[in-house]
Every structure is written in structure tokens, then in C-alpha cells.
């Protein structure tokens, strides 16, 4: 599975893979979304969870008024997907689990 497979899902606005330092390995976004900023947020949140809880891997789902941000630690880096609230979030989560 590749990053562009996520952006083919209807109402997915962007997806990417970043290093633990927040540097973009791969990213793709629609409209005005900045993958570098999303990647930095993803790395910060996942690393904060790992450090706070003392776990080796972490993931998170963040709901906002309009969007949902999925974050998942993987062997290749930290994957993130942002989509509209009315997207098929179940499909996004299943594909993200397969990606990681």
C-alpha cells in the first residue's frame, strides 16, 4: 500500500509518512493542506504519546470540527491521514492499519 492509495479515498484531504523528527518522507495533499505542517504535528503528537506512556509504538485519532486526523507509528515512520468528518473513517482506519 502506498500513500497515494489514501488520497484516492473520497473526502481524504491528504496523507503522508514522516520520520520521528517530523521530516517528510512522502506526502500528498489536496487543496491548501501543507503536508510538512501535518507531518510535524503527527511526529510531535506520536512522540509525546510514546514518551508520556512509555510505549514503543503509538497511534491517535484526533477529531476537529470539520476534519479527522489519523496518526499511526509504523516501521517506516509515522503515517498520517487527514480527511473530512463525513469521509468513510472506517475504511481509512482499516487501510492505515494495513499500511503500518
C-alpha atoms as a PDB file:
ATOM      1  CA  UNK A   1       0.000   0.000   0.000  1.00  0.00           C
ATOM      2  CA  UNK A   2       1.215   3.481  -0.888  1.00  0.00           C
ATOM      3  CA  UNK A   3       0.399   6.967   0.362  1.00  0.00           C
ATOM      4  CA  UNK A   4      -1.484   7.874  -2.812  1.00  0.00           C
ATOM      5  CA  UNK A   5      -3.868   4.968  -2.111  1.00  0.00           C
ATOM      6  CA  UNK A   6      -5.210   7.023   0.802  1.00  0.00           C
ATOM      7  CA  UNK A   7      -5.821  10.137  -1.269  1.00  0.00           C
ATOM      8  CA  UNK A   8      -7.937   8.097  -3.697  1.00  0.00           C
ATOM      9  CA  UNK A   9     -10.494   7.560  -0.930  1.00  0.00           C
ATOM     10  CA  UNK A  10     -13.321  10.111  -1.277  1.00  0.00           C
ATOM     11  CA  UNK A  11     -13.060  13.071   1.118  1.00  0.00           C
ATOM     12  CA  UNK A  12      -9.481  12.291   2.146  1.00  0.00           C
ATOM     13  CA  UNK A  13      -7.611  15.600   2.029  1.00  0.00           C
ATOM     14  CA  UNK A  14      -4.044  14.418   2.485  1.00  0.00           C
ATOM     15  CA  UNK A  15      -1.741  11.682   3.667  1.00  0.00           C
ATOM     16  CA  UNK A  16       1.920  11.217   4.340  1.00  0.00           C
ATOM     17  CA  UNK A  17       4.782   9.475   6.027  1.00  0.00           C
ATOM     18  CA  UNK A  18       7.272  11.326   8.218  1.00  0.00           C
ATOM     19  CA  UNK A  19      10.366  10.461  10.213  1.00  0.00           C
ATOM     20  CA  UNK A  20      10.287  10.606  14.006  1.00  0.00           C
ATOM     21  CA  UNK A  21      11.852  14.070  13.682  1.00  0.00           C
ATOM     22  CA  UNK A  22       8.941  15.256  11.536  1.00  0.00           C
ATOM     23  CA  UNK A  23      10.718  15.327   8.174  1.00  0.00           C
ATOM     24  CA  UNK A  24       8.537  14.337   5.227  1.00  0.00           C
ATOM     25  CA  UNK A  25       9.439  11.008   3.649  1.00  0.00           C
ATOM     26  CA  UNK A  26       6.406  11.017   1.369  1.00  0.00           C
ATOM     27  CA  UNK A  27       3.349  13.241   1.284  1.00  0.00           C
ATOM     28  CA  UNK A  28       0.395  14.135  -0.857  1.00  0.00           C
ATOM     29  CA  UNK A  29      -2.355  16.659  -0.141  1.00  0.00           C
ATOM     30  CA  UNK A  30      -5.336  18.190  -1.864  1.00  0.00           C
ATOM     31  CA  UNK A  31      -6.287  21.851  -1.703  1.00  0.00           C
ATOM     32  CA  UNK A  32      -4.341  24.074   0.698  1.00  0.00           C
ATOM     33  CA  UNK A  33      -3.209  21.432   3.187  1.00  0.00           C
ATOM     34  CA  UNK A  34       0.511  21.562   3.938  1.00  0.00           C
ATOM     35  CA  UNK A  35       1.984  18.073   4.346  1.00  0.00           C
ATOM     36  CA  UNK A  36       5.069  19.452   6.099  1.00  0.00           C
ATOM     37  CA  UNK A  37       2.953  21.032   8.841  1.00  0.00           C
ATOM     38  CA  UNK A  38       0.761  17.951   9.144  1.00  0.00           C
ATOM     39  CA  UNK A  39       3.875  15.785   9.335  1.00  0.00           C
ATOM     40  CA  UNK A  40       5.360  17.934  12.079  1.00  0.00           C
ATOM     41  CA  UNK A  41       2.115  17.708  14.048  1.00  0.00           C
ATOM     42  CA  UNK A  42       1.981  13.936  13.539  1.00  0.00           C
ATOM     43  CA  UNK A  43       5.537  13.417  14.756  1.00  0.00           C
ATOM     44  CA  UNK A  44       5.055  15.688  17.766  1.00  0.00           C
ATOM     45  CA  UNK A  45       1.817  14.039  18.904  1.00  0.00           C
ATOM     46  CA  UNK A  46       3.005  10.445  18.419  1.00  0.00           C
ATOM     47  CA  UNK A  47       6.342  11.118  20.125  1.00  0.00           C
ATOM     48  CA  UNK A  48       4.598  12.853  23.031  1.00  0.00           C
ATOM     49  CA  UNK A  49       2.283   9.850  23.484  1.00  0.00           C
ATOM     50  CA  UNK A  50       5.217   7.420  23.369  1.00  0.00           C
ATOM     51  CA  UNK A  51       7.263   9.423  25.870  1.00  0.00           C
ATOM     52  CA  UNK A  52       4.358  10.076  28.230  1.00  0.00           C
ATOM     53  CA  UNK A  53       3.129   6.485  28.309  1.00  0.00           C
ATOM     54  CA  UNK A  54       6.492   4.780  27.907  1.00  0.00           C
ATOM     55  CA  UNK A  55       5.368   2.678  24.942  1.00  0.00           C
ATOM     56  CA  UNK A  56       7.300   1.676  21.825  1.00  0.00           C
ATOM     57  CA  UNK A  57       4.521   2.386  19.295  1.00  0.00           C
ATOM     58  CA  UNK A  58       1.569   4.762  19.386  1.00  0.00           C
ATOM     59  CA  UNK A  59      -1.379   5.917  17.328  1.00  0.00           C
ATOM     60  CA  UNK A  60      -4.063   8.561  17.671  1.00  0.00           C
ATOM     61  CA  UNK A  61      -7.262   9.776  16.075  1.00  0.00           C
ATOM     62  CA  UNK A  62      -7.939  13.487  16.501  1.00  0.00           C
ATOM     63  CA  UNK A  63     -11.389  14.860  15.727  1.00  0.00           C
ATOM     64  CA  UNK A  64     -11.862  18.555  14.981  1.00  0.00           C
ATOM     65  CA  UNK A  65     -14.956  20.485  13.966  1.00  0.00           C
ATOM     66  CA  UNK A  66     -14.535  19.677  10.261  1.00  0.00           C
ATOM     67  CA  UNK A  67     -11.792  17.057   9.936  1.00  0.00           C
ATOM     68  CA  UNK A  68     -10.351  13.858  11.356  1.00  0.00           C
ATOM     69  CA  UNK A  69      -6.592  13.313  11.647  1.00  0.00           C
ATOM     70  CA  UNK A  70      -5.285   9.742  11.897  1.00  0.00           C
ATOM     71  CA  UNK A  71      -1.747   9.149  13.193  1.00  0.00           C
ATOM     72  CA  UNK A  72      -0.014   5.767  13.250  1.00  0.00           C
ATOM     73  CA  UNK A  73       3.517   4.742  14.167  1.00  0.00           C
ATOM     74  CA  UNK A  74       4.987   2.210  11.725  1.00  0.00           C
ATOM     75  CA  UNK A  75       8.317   0.580  10.941  1.00  0.00           C
ATOM     76  CA  UNK A  76       8.913   3.096   8.133  1.00  0.00           C
ATOM     77  CA  UNK A  77       7.972   6.209  10.113  1.00  0.00           C
ATOM     78  CA  UNK A  78       4.818   7.934  11.284  1.00  0.00           C
ATOM     79  CA  UNK A  79       1.881   7.758   8.897  1.00  0.00           C
ATOM     80  CA  UNK A  80      -0.840  10.402   8.898  1.00  0.00           C
ATOM     81  CA  UNK A  81      -4.122  10.831   7.050  1.00  0.00           C
ATOM     82  CA  UNK A  82      -6.435  13.844   7.230  1.00  0.00           C
ATOM     83  CA  UNK A  83      -9.982  13.591   5.953  1.00  0.00           C
ATOM     84  CA  UNK A  84     -13.288  15.361   6.154  1.00  0.00           C
ATOM     85  CA  UNK A  85     -15.532  14.362   9.024  1.00  0.00           C
ATOM     86  CA  UNK A  86     -18.027  12.696   6.670  1.00  0.00           C
ATOM     87  CA  UNK A  87     -15.406  10.506   4.963  1.00  0.00           C
ATOM     88  CA  UNK A  88     -15.501   6.744   5.393  1.00  0.00           C
ATOM     89  CA  UNK A  89     -13.332   6.828   8.519  1.00  0.00           C
ATOM     90  CA  UNK A  90     -13.655   3.070   8.989  1.00  0.00           C
ATOM     91  CA  UNK A  91     -12.072   2.457   5.589  1.00  0.00           C
ATOM     92  CA  UNK A  92      -9.316   4.964   6.334  1.00  0.00           C
ATOM     93  CA  UNK A  93      -8.538   3.239   9.648  1.00  0.00           C
ATOM     94  CA  UNK A  94      -8.506  -0.240   8.067  1.00  0.00           C
ATOM     95  CA  UNK A  95      -6.146   0.897   5.311  1.00  0.00           C
ATOM     96  CA  UNK A  96      -3.924   2.699   7.808  1.00  0.00           C
ATOM     97  CA  UNK A  97      -3.724  -0.465   9.928  1.00  0.00           C
ATOM     98  CA  UNK A  98      -2.665  -2.428   6.823  1.00  0.00           C
ATOM     99  CA  UNK A  99      -0.133   0.271   5.911  1.00  0.00           C
ATOM    100  CA  UNK A 100       1.513   0.116   9.320  1.00  0.00           C
END
